Amino acid sequence: MAEQHNSEPQPSKIIQTLLAKGRREGYITSDEVQQVLPQGAKAQA
């Protein structure tokens, strides 16, 4: 049960993945960012 917190996606890891995708494809749309970020981060963005 100690690993339970790892079931939630880690925003920094997701963002790093998204940035890597952006570097590969040459762009990142704000829609993609909004889809990837969790609800809490959306409210702050």
C-alpha atoms as a PDB file:
ATOM      1  CA  MET A   1       0.000   0.000   0.000  1.00  0.00           C
ATOM      2  CA  ALA A   2       3.004   2.303   0.382  1.00  0.00           C
ATOM      3  CA  GLU A   3       3.124   2.708  -3.403  1.00  0.00           C
ATOM      4  CA  GLN A   4      -0.465   3.968  -3.601  1.00  0.00           C
ATOM      5  CA  HIS A   5       0.586   7.601  -4.098  1.00  0.00           C
ATOM      6  CA  ASN A   6       2.373   6.540  -7.288  1.00  0.00           C
ATOM      7  CA  SER A   7      -0.963   5.702  -8.931  1.00  0.00           C
ATOM      8  CA  GLU A   8      -1.511   9.429  -9.487  1.00  0.00           C
ATOM      9  CA  PRO A   9       0.380  10.844 -12.473  1.00  0.00           C
ATOM     10  CA  GLN A  10       3.274  13.080 -11.508  1.00  0.00           C
ATOM     11  CA  PRO A  11       2.674  16.500 -13.144  1.00  0.00           C
ATOM     12  CA  SER A  12       6.379  17.239 -13.571  1.00  0.00           C
ATOM     13  CA  LYS A  13       6.941  13.898 -15.307  1.00  0.00           C
ATOM     14  CA  ILE A  14       3.893  14.458 -17.526  1.00  0.00           C
ATOM     15  CA  ILE A  15       5.091  17.950 -18.403  1.00  0.00           C
ATOM     16  CA  GLN A  16       8.566  16.622 -19.235  1.00  0.00           C
ATOM     17  CA  THR A  17       6.958  14.041 -21.527  1.00  0.00           C
ATOM     18  CA  LEU A  18       4.828  16.743 -23.142  1.00  0.00           C
ATOM     19  CA  LEU A  19       7.862  18.979 -23.647  1.00  0.00           C
ATOM     20  CA  ALA A  20       9.733  16.067 -25.219  1.00  0.00           C
ATOM     21  CA  LYS A  21       6.778  15.554 -27.568  1.00  0.00           C
ATOM     22  CA  GLY A  22       6.817  19.264 -28.386  1.00  0.00           C
ATOM     23  CA  ARG A  23      10.523  19.151 -29.206  1.00  0.00           C
ATOM     24  CA  ARG A  24       9.966  16.120 -31.439  1.00  0.00           C
ATOM     25  CA  GLU A  25       6.988  17.587 -33.279  1.00  0.00           C
ATOM     26  CA  GLY A  26       8.069  21.225 -33.101  1.00  0.00           C
ATOM     27  CA  TYR A  27       5.036  22.539 -31.245  1.00  0.00           C
ATOM     28  CA  ILE A  28       2.707  22.004 -28.290  1.00  0.00           C
ATOM     29  CA  THR A  29      -0.860  23.285 -28.367  1.00  0.00           C
ATOM     30  CA  SER A  30      -2.471  24.779 -25.287  1.00  0.00           C
ATOM     31  CA  ASP A  31      -5.265  22.223 -25.713  1.00  0.00           C
ATOM     32  CA  GLU A  32      -2.739  19.410 -25.296  1.00  0.00           C
ATOM     33  CA  VAL A  33      -1.372  21.066 -22.171  1.00  0.00           C
ATOM     34  CA  GLN A  34      -4.877  21.419 -20.716  1.00  0.00           C
ATOM     35  CA  GLN A  35      -5.666  17.766 -21.463  1.00  0.00           C
ATOM     36  CA  VAL A  36      -2.492  16.522 -19.796  1.00  0.00           C
ATOM     37  CA  LEU A  37      -2.491  18.682 -16.686  1.00  0.00           C
ATOM     38  CA  PRO A  38      -4.555  17.502 -13.707  1.00  0.00           C
ATOM     39  CA  GLN A  39      -7.586  19.558 -12.639  1.00  0.00           C
ATOM     40  CA  GLY A  40      -5.709  21.399  -9.876  1.00  0.00           C
ATOM     41  CA  ALA A  41      -3.048  22.620 -12.271  1.00  0.00           C
ATOM     42  CA  LYS A  42      -5.690  23.689 -14.797  1.00  0.00           C
ATOM     43  CA  ALA A  43      -7.204  26.048 -12.231  1.00  0.00           C
ATOM     44  CA  GLN A  44      -3.803  27.691 -11.696  1.00  0.00           C
ATOM     45  CA  ALA A  45      -2.837  27.838 -15.370  1.00  0.00           C
END
